[in-house]
């Protein structure tokens, strides 16, 4: 039975074909989010507080929406209805990344997008991938840009990010209470039983592995034209081509991602310089199949 279609009006505009950017942590979603946010006619949020509250509630507790599709979809729509509002104070609660992507400086007051010409909405908040099921239920006409990156590079960046690693503290990790647990990449009993003995690199690899498995599931479940996969390594090599591909996918002009030559060089095969042989072995132990399947 098809999902009921609800009309969401924000800033006196109907929300149609919202664009969401998803991927594992440090997979490059922020580059696509910034490109969309800077494109004419788009209002894209990145880490708006009202959205993050719902994202993390659903991501860390999938039992909240399992079997409650209509209610979960309504909560998601309400969160974005609030997050996408454009008022003189609407950007004050946004993340620094979102404000900088809009060109706002510290202390600037005012909305990050123009009402005039506004036609499309979207979001590229961190960890949005972990509530993808609720997103597709909330917005049946959604367009999803999924960013994939070499899992070894993703793990290297995750290990160096205190905010990401904080989720693995015993006080936060809820692998036993929530099962399966997409947020931690725990799919089956073997994953859950082995979790306590895994290294930090292996636990990060599980999160990346789940994002790759999600890509396969979305390819099979979403109609043609609703999912676009962007490979991070291709994006940093050919940003103009990525902008063209996103324009064709969304049916709107999308600016190329801004990736400087220095940043591109620094991000190429980071894992070879930063991961130990033991860490690489731990990653491949849990995610070798996915690495091979997508060409890494």
C-alpha atoms as a PDB file:
ATOM      1  CA  UNK A   1       0.000   0.000   0.000  1.00  0.00           C
ATOM      2  CA  UNK A   2       1.582   3.354  -0.993  1.00  0.00           C
ATOM      3  CA  UNK A   3       2.426   5.877   1.701  1.00  0.00           C
ATOM      4  CA  UNK A   4      -0.097   8.629   2.310  1.00  0.00           C
ATOM      5  CA  UNK A   5       1.035  11.913   0.836  1.00  0.00           C
ATOM      6  CA  UNK A   6       1.000  14.881   3.189  1.00  0.00           C
ATOM      7  CA  UNK A   7       1.408  18.427   1.960  1.00  0.00           C
ATOM      8  CA  UNK A   8       3.988  20.321   3.990  1.00  0.00           C
ATOM      9  CA  UNK A   9       4.005  24.099   3.659  1.00  0.00           C
ATOM     10  CA  UNK A  10       7.047  26.008   4.908  1.00  0.00           C
ATOM     11  CA  UNK A  11       7.632  29.736   4.389  1.00  0.00           C
ATOM     12  CA  UNK A  12       4.435  29.793   2.299  1.00  0.00           C
ATOM     13  CA  UNK A  13       5.930  27.237  -0.088  1.00  0.00           C
ATOM     14  CA  UNK A  14       5.017  23.637  -0.684  1.00  0.00           C
ATOM     15  CA  UNK A  15       7.842  21.241   0.118  1.00  0.00           C
ATOM     16  CA  UNK A  16       8.309  19.052  -2.952  1.00  0.00           C
ATOM     17  CA  UNK A  17      11.175  16.659  -3.645  1.00  0.00           C
ATOM     18  CA  UNK A  18      13.307  17.640  -0.658  1.00  0.00           C
ATOM     19  CA  UNK A  19      16.946  16.654  -1.081  1.00  0.00           C
ATOM     20  CA  UNK A  20      18.686  14.832   1.768  1.00  0.00           C
ATOM     21  CA  UNK A  21      22.405  14.043   1.846  1.00  0.00           C
ATOM     22  CA  UNK A  22      23.376  10.908   3.732  1.00  0.00           C
ATOM     23  CA  UNK A  23      26.452   8.811   4.382  1.00  0.00           C
ATOM     24  CA  UNK A  24      28.686   7.443   7.097  1.00  0.00           C
ATOM     25  CA  UNK A  25      30.469   9.971   9.338  1.00  0.00           C
ATOM     26  CA  UNK A  26      33.296  11.726   7.476  1.00  0.00           C
ATOM     27  CA  UNK A  27      32.226  10.303   4.138  1.00  0.00           C
ATOM     28  CA  UNK A  28      32.037  13.789   2.580  1.00  0.00           C
ATOM     29  CA  UNK A  29      28.354  14.627   3.025  1.00  0.00           C
ATOM     30  CA  UNK A  30      29.261  18.120   4.225  1.00  0.00           C
ATOM     31  CA  UNK A  31      30.798  18.970   0.822  1.00  0.00           C
ATOM     32  CA  UNK A  32      27.567  18.072  -0.977  1.00  0.00           C
ATOM     33  CA  UNK A  33      25.499  19.867   1.657  1.00  0.00           C
ATOM     34  CA  UNK A  34      27.489  23.067   1.222  1.00  0.00           C
ATOM     35  CA  UNK A  35      27.190  22.836  -2.562  1.00  0.00           C
ATOM     36  CA  UNK A  36      23.417  22.481  -2.370  1.00  0.00           C
ATOM     37  CA  UNK A  37      23.120  25.218   0.242  1.00  0.00           C
ATOM     38  CA  UNK A  38      24.993  27.694  -1.949  1.00  0.00           C
ATOM     39  CA  UNK A  39      22.919  26.862  -5.049  1.00  0.00           C
ATOM     40  CA  UNK A  40      20.150  29.216  -6.216  1.00  0.00           C
ATOM     41  CA  UNK A  41      16.673  28.387  -4.985  1.00  0.00           C
ATOM     42  CA  UNK A  42      17.790  25.903  -2.314  1.00  0.00           C
ATOM     43  CA  UNK A  43      17.354  26.145   1.462  1.00  0.00           C
ATOM     44  CA  UNK A  44      19.481  23.368   2.929  1.00  0.00           C
ATOM     45  CA  UNK A  45      20.089  22.992   6.655  1.00  0.00           C
ATOM     46  CA  UNK A  46      23.125  21.298   8.208  1.00  0.00           C
ATOM     47  CA  UNK A  47      22.795  20.517  11.903  1.00  0.00           C
ATOM     48  CA  UNK A  48      19.724  22.590  12.757  1.00  0.00           C
ATOM     49  CA  UNK A  49      18.954  21.875  16.409  1.00  0.00           C
ATOM     50  CA  UNK A  50      15.295  20.891  15.999  1.00  0.00           C
ATOM     51  CA  UNK A  51      16.312  18.418  13.295  1.00  0.00           C
ATOM     52  CA  UNK A  52      19.245  16.922  15.206  1.00  0.00           C
ATOM     53  CA  UNK A  53      17.073  16.203  18.242  1.00  0.00           C
ATOM     54  CA  UNK A  54      14.828  13.965  16.156  1.00  0.00           C
ATOM     55  CA  UNK A  55      17.664  12.496  14.065  1.00  0.00           C
ATOM     56  CA  UNK A  56      19.551  11.257  17.116  1.00  0.00           C
ATOM     57  CA  UNK A  57      16.414  10.087  18.895  1.00  0.00           C
ATOM     58  CA  UNK A  58      15.465   7.920  15.909  1.00  0.00           C
ATOM     59  CA  UNK A  59      19.017   6.935  14.961  1.00  0.00           C
ATOM     60  CA  UNK A  60      19.912   5.661  18.418  1.00  0.00           C
ATOM     61  CA  UNK A  61      16.519   4.127  19.204  1.00  0.00           C
ATOM     62  CA  UNK A  62      15.042   2.532  16.072  1.00  0.00           C
ATOM     63  CA  UNK A  63      12.434   0.839  18.273  1.00  0.00           C
ATOM     64  CA  UNK A  64      10.818   4.272  18.602  1.00  0.00           C
ATOM     65  CA  UNK A  65       9.604   4.160  15.005  1.00  0.00           C
ATOM     66  CA  UNK A  66       9.655   0.450  14.165  1.00  0.00           C
ATOM     67  CA  UNK A  67       6.058  -0.453  13.345  1.00  0.00           C
ATOM     68  CA  UNK A  68       4.981   3.170  13.805  1.00  0.00           C
ATOM     69  CA  UNK A  69       5.616   4.474  10.319  1.00  0.00           C
ATOM     70  CA  UNK A  70       2.877   7.095  10.169  1.00  0.00           C
ATOM     71  CA  UNK A  71       3.656   8.538  13.601  1.00  0.00           C
ATOM     72  CA  UNK A  72       7.410   8.594  12.933  1.00  0.00           C
ATOM     73  CA  UNK A  73       6.868  10.282   9.576  1.00  0.00           C
ATOM     74  CA  UNK A  74       4.770  12.972  11.252  1.00  0.00           C
ATOM     75  CA  UNK A  75       7.531  13.649  13.798  1.00  0.00           C
ATOM     76  CA  UNK A  76      10.128  13.927  11.026  1.00  0.00           C
ATOM     77  CA  UNK A  77       7.956  16.319   9.018  1.00  0.00           C
ATOM     78  CA  UNK A  78       7.347  18.494  12.086  1.00  0.00           C
ATOM     79  CA  UNK A  79      11.077  18.682  12.800  1.00  0.00           C
ATOM     80  CA  UNK A  80      11.877  19.868   9.295  1.00  0.00           C
ATOM     81  CA  UNK A  81       8.892  22.215   9.218  1.00  0.00           C
ATOM     82  CA  UNK A  82      10.516  23.962  12.173  1.00  0.00           C
ATOM     83  CA  UNK A  83      14.104  23.628  10.949  1.00  0.00           C
ATOM     84  CA  UNK A  84      13.388  25.083   7.511  1.00  0.00           C
ATOM     85  CA  UNK A  85      11.632  28.212   8.800  1.00  0.00           C
ATOM     86  CA  UNK A  86      13.218  31.462   7.641  1.00  0.00           C
ATOM     87  CA  UNK A  87      12.946  34.215  10.244  1.00  0.00           C
ATOM     88  CA  UNK A  88      15.334  36.924  11.485  1.00  0.00           C
ATOM     89  CA  UNK A  89      16.390  34.577  14.304  1.00  0.00           C
ATOM     90  CA  UNK A  90      16.086  31.206  12.553  1.00  0.00           C
ATOM     91  CA  UNK A  91      19.834  30.718  12.069  1.00  0.00           C
ATOM     92  CA  UNK A  92      20.859  31.473  15.635  1.00  0.00           C
ATOM     93  CA  UNK A  93      20.505  27.808  16.664  1.00  0.00           C
ATOM     94  CA  UNK A  94      22.208  26.400  13.575  1.00  0.00           C
ATOM     95  CA  UNK A  95      25.596  24.697  13.681  1.00  0.00           C
ATOM     96  CA  UNK A  96      28.756  26.576  12.803  1.00  0.00           C
ATOM     97  CA  UNK A  97      29.094  24.438   9.677  1.00  0.00           C
ATOM     98  CA  UNK A  98      25.637  25.453   8.468  1.00  0.00           C
ATOM     99  CA  UNK A  99      26.240  29.152   9.165  1.00  0.00           C
ATOM    100  CA  UNK A 100      29.635  29.165   7.475  1.00  0.00           C
ATOM    101  CA  UNK A 101      28.188  27.371   4.445  1.00  0.00           C
ATOM    102  CA  UNK A 102      25.705  30.219   4.166  1.00  0.00           C
ATOM    103  CA  UNK A 103      28.484  32.801   4.359  1.00  0.00           C
ATOM    104  CA  UNK A 104      27.396  34.041   7.792  1.00  0.00           C
ATOM    105  CA  UNK A 105      30.119  35.305  10.099  1.00  0.00           C
ATOM    106  CA  UNK A 106      30.144  35.037  13.914  1.00  0.00           C
ATOM    107  CA  UNK A 107      27.676  37.561  15.259  1.00  0.00           C
ATOM    108  CA  UNK A 108      25.704  37.870  12.019  1.00  0.00           C
ATOM    109  CA  UNK A 109      21.931  37.874  12.488  1.00  0.00           C
ATOM    110  CA  UNK A 110      19.434  36.966   9.818  1.00  0.00           C
ATOM    111  CA  UNK A 111      18.217  34.040   7.739  1.00  0.00           C
ATOM    112  CA  UNK A 112      20.707  32.042   5.679  1.00  0.00           C
ATOM    113  CA  UNK A 113      18.537  31.917   2.547  1.00  0.00           C
ATOM    114  CA  UNK A 114      16.393  34.319   0.557  1.00  0.00           C
ATOM    115  CA  UNK A 115      12.636  33.910   0.481  1.00  0.00           C
ATOM    116  CA  UNK A 116      12.613  35.255  -3.034  1.00  0.00           C
ATOM    117  CA  UNK A 117      13.239  32.486  -5.514  1.00  0.00           C
ATOM    118  CA  UNK A 118      13.126  29.762  -2.849  1.00  0.00           C
ATOM    119  CA  UNK A 119      11.958  26.545  -4.494  1.00  0.00           C
ATOM    120  CA  UNK A 120      13.654  23.536  -2.879  1.00  0.00           C
ATOM    121  CA  UNK A 121      14.428  22.339   0.625  1.00  0.00           C
ATOM    122  CA  UNK A 122      16.983  19.879   1.918  1.00  0.00           C
ATOM    123  CA  UNK A 123      19.208  18.763   4.765  1.00  0.00           C
ATOM    124  CA  UNK A 124      22.714  17.368   5.185  1.00  0.00           C
ATOM    125  CA  UNK A 125      22.887  16.982   8.955  1.00  0.00           C
ATOM    126  CA  UNK A 126      25.413  14.579  10.490  1.00  0.00           C
ATOM    127  CA  UNK A 127      24.130  11.026  10.970  1.00  0.00           C
ATOM    128  CA  UNK A 128      21.001  11.658   8.916  1.00  0.00           C
ATOM    129  CA  UNK A 129      21.612   8.274   7.262  1.00  0.00           C
ATOM    130  CA  UNK A 130      20.681   6.448  10.435  1.00  0.00           C
ATOM    131  CA  UNK A 131      17.015   7.459  10.136  1.00  0.00           C
ATOM    132  CA  UNK A 132      16.722   7.027   6.363  1.00  0.00           C
ATOM    133  CA  UNK A 133      13.723   4.733   6.736  1.00  0.00           C
ATOM    134  CA  UNK A 134      11.757   7.438   8.559  1.00  0.00           C
ATOM    135  CA  UNK A 135      12.830  10.041   5.982  1.00  0.00           C
ATOM    136  CA  UNK A 136      11.476   8.066   3.046  1.00  0.00           C
ATOM    137  CA  UNK A 137       8.215   7.475   4.910  1.00  0.00           C
ATOM    138  CA  UNK A 138       7.862  11.174   5.732  1.00  0.00           C
ATOM    139  CA  UNK A 139       8.626  12.376   2.203  1.00  0.00           C
ATOM    140  CA  UNK A 140       7.603   9.816  -0.459  1.00  0.00           C
ATOM    141  CA  UNK A 141       8.960  12.085  -3.239  1.00  0.00           C
ATOM    142  CA  UNK A 142      12.325  12.514  -1.485  1.00  0.00           C
ATOM    143  CA  UNK A 143      15.559  12.725  -3.449  1.00  0.00           C
ATOM    144  CA  UNK A 144      18.543  11.230  -1.616  1.00  0.00           C
ATOM    145  CA  UNK A 145      22.185  11.894  -2.382  1.00  0.00           C
ATOM    146  CA  UNK A 146      24.256   9.146  -0.834  1.00  0.00           C
ATOM    147  CA  UNK A 147      28.000   9.710  -0.444  1.00  0.00           C
ATOM    148  CA  UNK A 148      30.321   6.719  -0.186  1.00  0.00           C
ATOM    149  CA  UNK A 149      34.024   6.748   0.616  1.00  0.00           C
ATOM    150  CA  UNK A 150      36.779   4.223   1.215  1.00  0.00           C
ATOM    151  CA  UNK A 151      35.909   2.755   4.609  1.00  0.00           C
ATOM    152  CA  UNK A 152      39.524   2.843   5.738  1.00  0.00           C
ATOM    153  CA  UNK A 153      39.683   6.608   5.169  1.00  0.00           C
ATOM    154  CA  UNK A 154      36.341   7.016   6.945  1.00  0.00           C
ATOM    155  CA  UNK A 155      37.606   5.080   9.964  1.00  0.00           C
ATOM    156  CA  UNK A 156      40.844   7.086  10.049  1.00  0.00           C
ATOM    157  CA  UNK A 157      38.857  10.322  10.203  1.00  0.00           C
ATOM    158  CA  UNK A 158      36.395   8.957  12.752  1.00  0.00           C
ATOM    159  CA  UNK A 159      39.198   7.864  15.084  1.00  0.00           C
ATOM    160  CA  UNK A 160      40.566  11.422  15.042  1.00  0.00           C
ATOM    161  CA  UNK A 161      37.177  13.026  15.797  1.00  0.00           C
ATOM    162  CA  UNK A 162      36.394  13.259  19.552  1.00  0.00           C
ATOM    163  CA  UNK A 163      32.719  14.033  18.871  1.00  0.00           C
ATOM    164  CA  UNK A 164      32.279  10.832  16.866  1.00  0.00           C
ATOM    165  CA  UNK A 165      34.263   8.704  19.281  1.00  0.00           C
ATOM    166  CA  UNK A 166      32.211   9.965  22.237  1.00  0.00           C
ATOM    167  CA  UNK A 167      29.284   7.859  20.991  1.00  0.00           C
ATOM    168  CA  UNK A 168      31.278   4.714  21.816  1.00  0.00           C
ATOM    169  CA  UNK A 169      31.498   5.492  25.535  1.00  0.00           C
ATOM    170  CA  UNK A 170      29.717   2.895  27.692  1.00  0.00           C
ATOM    171  CA  UNK A 171      27.293   5.573  28.892  1.00  0.00           C
ATOM    172  CA  UNK A 172      26.150   6.191  25.290  1.00  0.00           C
ATOM    173  CA  UNK A 173      26.482   2.842  23.531  1.00  0.00           C
ATOM    174  CA  UNK A 174      23.108   1.057  23.640  1.00  0.00           C
ATOM    175  CA  UNK A 175      23.900  -2.046  21.609  1.00  0.00           C
ATOM    176  CA  UNK A 176      22.294  -4.392  24.150  1.00  0.00           C
ATOM    177  CA  UNK A 177      19.146  -2.302  24.618  1.00  0.00           C
ATOM    178  CA  UNK A 178      18.517  -1.659  20.899  1.00  0.00           C
ATOM    179  CA  UNK A 179      18.865  -4.547  18.483  1.00  0.00           C
ATOM    180  CA  UNK A 180      19.384  -4.464  15.560  1.00  0.00           C
ATOM    181  CA  UNK A 181      21.238  -1.188  15.976  1.00  0.00           C
ATOM    182  CA  UNK A 182      22.034   0.647  12.710  1.00  0.00           C
ATOM    183  CA  UNK A 183      23.723   3.532  14.536  1.00  0.00           C
ATOM    184  CA  UNK A 184      26.471   1.167  15.684  1.00  0.00           C
ATOM    185  CA  UNK A 185      26.284  -1.074  12.624  1.00  0.00           C
ATOM    186  CA  UNK A 186      25.102  -4.081  14.620  1.00  0.00           C
ATOM    187  CA  UNK A 187      22.986  -6.216  12.281  1.00  0.00           C
ATOM    188  CA  UNK A 188      22.886  -9.666  13.836  1.00  0.00           C
ATOM    189  CA  UNK A 189      23.605 -11.699  16.963  1.00  0.00           C
ATOM    190  CA  UNK A 190      27.218 -12.306  15.923  1.00  0.00           C
ATOM    191  CA  UNK A 191      27.785  -8.534  15.708  1.00  0.00           C
ATOM    192  CA  UNK A 192      26.237  -7.989  19.122  1.00  0.00           C
ATOM    193  CA  UNK A 193      28.124 -10.841  20.784  1.00  0.00           C
ATOM    194  CA  UNK A 194      31.444  -9.635  19.362  1.00  0.00           C
ATOM    195  CA  UNK A 195      30.897  -5.947  20.094  1.00  0.00           C
ATOM    196  CA  UNK A 196      32.521  -5.783  23.580  1.00  0.00           C
ATOM    197  CA  UNK A 197      35.828  -7.195  22.325  1.00  0.00           C
ATOM    198  CA  UNK A 198      36.102  -5.067  19.177  1.00  0.00           C
ATOM    199  CA  UNK A 199      38.759  -2.385  18.816  1.00  0.00           C
ATOM    200  CA  UNK A 200      37.777   1.221  18.232  1.00  0.00           C
ATOM    201  CA  UNK A 201      38.755   0.857  14.554  1.00  0.00           C
ATOM    202  CA  UNK A 202      36.513  -2.177  14.137  1.00  0.00           C
ATOM    203  CA  UNK A 203      33.569  -0.416  15.803  1.00  0.00           C
ATOM    204  CA  UNK A 204      33.993   2.529  13.435  1.00  0.00           C
ATOM    205  CA  UNK A 205      34.159   0.092  10.524  1.00  0.00           C
ATOM    206  CA  UNK A 206      30.830  -1.404  11.575  1.00  0.00           C
ATOM    207  CA  UNK A 207      29.203   2.035  11.308  1.00  0.00           C
ATOM    208  CA  UNK A 208      30.679   2.494   7.828  1.00  0.00           C
ATOM    209  CA  UNK A 209      29.636  -1.028   6.820  1.00  0.00           C
ATOM    210  CA  UNK A 210      26.034  -0.334   7.758  1.00  0.00           C
ATOM    211  CA  UNK A 211      26.008   2.821   5.595  1.00  0.00           C
ATOM    212  CA  UNK A 212      27.174   0.754   2.615  1.00  0.00           C
ATOM    213  CA  UNK A 213      24.520  -1.867   3.251  1.00  0.00           C
ATOM    214  CA  UNK A 214      21.958   0.929   3.462  1.00  0.00           C
ATOM    215  CA  UNK A 215      23.053   2.057  -0.009  1.00  0.00           C
ATOM    216  CA  UNK A 216      22.188  -1.363  -1.405  1.00  0.00           C
ATOM    217  CA  UNK A 217      18.824  -1.421   0.354  1.00  0.00           C
ATOM    218  CA  UNK A 218      17.867   2.023  -0.905  1.00  0.00           C
ATOM    219  CA  UNK A 219      18.817   1.112  -4.463  1.00  0.00           C
ATOM    220  CA  UNK A 220      16.345  -1.746  -4.307  1.00  0.00           C
ATOM    221  CA  UNK A 221      13.546   0.068  -2.450  1.00  0.00           C
ATOM    222  CA  UNK A 222      13.443   3.554  -3.967  1.00  0.00           C
ATOM    223  CA  UNK A 223      11.981   4.265  -7.413  1.00  0.00           C
ATOM    224  CA  UNK A 224      14.289   5.340 -10.222  1.00  0.00           C
ATOM    225  CA  UNK A 225      15.315   8.970  -9.982  1.00  0.00           C
ATOM    226  CA  UNK A 226      15.162   9.214  -6.194  1.00  0.00           C
ATOM    227  CA  UNK A 227      18.664   8.080  -5.281  1.00  0.00           C
ATOM    228  CA  UNK A 228      22.017   9.380  -6.478  1.00  0.00           C
ATOM    229  CA  UNK A 229      25.278   7.845  -5.267  1.00  0.00           C
ATOM    230  CA  UNK A 230      28.349  10.077  -5.216  1.00  0.00           C
ATOM    231  CA  UNK A 231      31.776   8.556  -4.706  1.00  0.00           C
ATOM    232  CA  UNK A 232      33.896  10.827  -2.508  1.00  0.00           C
ATOM    233  CA  UNK A 233      37.139  10.172  -4.350  1.00  0.00           C
ATOM    234  CA  UNK A 234      35.538  11.094  -7.676  1.00  0.00           C
ATOM    235  CA  UNK A 235      34.031  14.228  -6.151  1.00  0.00           C
ATOM    236  CA  UNK A 236      37.378  15.616  -4.989  1.00  0.00           C
ATOM    237  CA  UNK A 237      39.002  14.799  -8.337  1.00  0.00           C
ATOM    238  CA  UNK A 238      36.205  16.181 -10.523  1.00  0.00           C
ATOM    239  CA  UNK A 239      34.013  18.608  -8.555  1.00  0.00           C
ATOM    240  CA  UNK A 240      32.611  20.235 -11.695  1.00  0.00           C
ATOM    241  CA  UNK A 241      31.411  16.873 -12.999  1.00  0.00           C
ATOM    242  CA  UNK A 242      29.821  16.186  -9.617  1.00  0.00           C
ATOM    243  CA  UNK A 243      27.963  19.492  -9.793  1.00  0.00           C
ATOM    244  CA  UNK A 244      26.691  18.599 -13.257  1.00  0.00           C
ATOM    245  CA  UNK A 245      25.541  15.174 -12.078  1.00  0.00           C
ATOM    246  CA  UNK A 246      23.702  16.684  -9.114  1.00  0.00           C
ATOM    247  CA  UNK A 247      22.068  19.256 -11.374  1.00  0.00           C
ATOM    248  CA  UNK A 248      20.785  16.499 -13.655  1.00  0.00           C
ATOM    249  CA  UNK A 249      19.584  14.479 -10.669  1.00  0.00           C
ATOM    250  CA  UNK A 250      17.702  17.299  -8.910  1.00  0.00           C
ATOM    251  CA  UNK A 251      16.500  19.091 -12.025  1.00  0.00           C
ATOM    252  CA  UNK A 252      17.952  22.343 -10.661  1.00  0.00           C
ATOM    253  CA  UNK A 253      21.238  24.186 -10.951  1.00  0.00           C
ATOM    254  CA  UNK A 254      23.651  22.885  -8.307  1.00  0.00           C
ATOM    255  CA  UNK A 255      27.036  24.469  -7.730  1.00  0.00           C
ATOM    256  CA  UNK A 256      30.114  22.209  -7.828  1.00  0.00           C
ATOM    257  CA  UNK A 257      31.384  21.160  -4.392  1.00  0.00           C
ATOM    258  CA  UNK A 258      34.200  23.420  -3.227  1.00  0.00           C
ATOM    259  CA  UNK A 259      37.209  21.149  -2.763  1.00  0.00           C
ATOM    260  CA  UNK A 260      40.576  22.893  -2.930  1.00  0.00           C
ATOM    261  CA  UNK A 261      43.627  21.142  -4.341  1.00  0.00           C
ATOM    262  CA  UNK A 262      45.343  21.085  -0.949  1.00  0.00           C
ATOM    263  CA  UNK A 263      42.301  19.565   0.754  1.00  0.00           C
ATOM    264  CA  UNK A 264      41.919  16.994  -2.001  1.00  0.00           C
ATOM    265  CA  UNK A 265      45.560  15.945  -1.676  1.00  0.00           C
ATOM    266  CA  UNK A 266      45.304  15.718   2.119  1.00  0.00           C
ATOM    267  CA  UNK A 267      42.161  13.566   1.905  1.00  0.00           C
ATOM    268  CA  UNK A 268      43.514  11.072  -0.626  1.00  0.00           C
ATOM    269  CA  UNK A 269      44.188   7.676   0.983  1.00  0.00           C
ATOM    270  CA  UNK A 270      44.506   9.150   4.476  1.00  0.00           C
ATOM    271  CA  UNK A 271      44.407   5.679   5.959  1.00  0.00           C
ATOM    272  CA  UNK A 272      47.783   4.705   4.498  1.00  0.00           C
ATOM    273  CA  UNK A 273      49.472   7.427   6.543  1.00  0.00           C
ATOM    274  CA  UNK A 274      47.478   7.254   9.768  1.00  0.00           C
ATOM    275  CA  UNK A 275      46.282   3.697  10.408  1.00  0.00           C
ATOM    276  CA  UNK A 276      48.468   0.956  11.837  1.00  0.00           C
ATOM    277  CA  UNK A 277      48.640  -2.482  10.281  1.00  0.00           C
ATOM    278  CA  UNK A 278      46.604  -3.826  13.211  1.00  0.00           C
ATOM    279  CA  UNK A 279      43.879  -1.226  12.684  1.00  0.00           C
ATOM    280  CA  UNK A 280      43.684  -1.994   8.959  1.00  0.00           C
ATOM    281  CA  UNK A 281      43.377  -5.702   9.769  1.00  0.00           C
ATOM    282  CA  UNK A 282      40.576  -4.985  12.267  1.00  0.00           C
ATOM    283  CA  UNK A 283      38.687  -2.967   9.663  1.00  0.00           C
ATOM    284  CA  UNK A 284      39.018  -5.639   7.020  1.00  0.00           C
ATOM    285  CA  UNK A 285      37.921  -8.323   9.457  1.00  0.00           C
ATOM    286  CA  UNK A 286      34.450  -6.769   9.740  1.00  0.00           C
ATOM    287  CA  UNK A 287      34.099  -4.916   6.432  1.00  0.00           C
ATOM    288  CA  UNK A 288      36.274  -6.649   3.810  1.00  0.00           C
ATOM    289  CA  UNK A 289      33.263  -7.844   1.819  1.00  0.00           C
ATOM    290  CA  UNK A 290      31.814  -4.325   1.529  1.00  0.00           C
ATOM    291  CA  UNK A 291      35.207  -2.811   0.678  1.00  0.00           C
ATOM    292  CA  UNK A 292      35.659  -5.255  -2.179  1.00  0.00           C
ATOM    293  CA  UNK A 293      32.072  -5.011  -3.395  1.00  0.00           C
ATOM    294  CA  UNK A 294      32.261  -1.263  -3.994  1.00  0.00           C
ATOM    295  CA  UNK A 295      35.761  -1.306  -5.422  1.00  0.00           C
ATOM    296  CA  UNK A 296      38.101  -0.365  -2.561  1.00  0.00           C
END
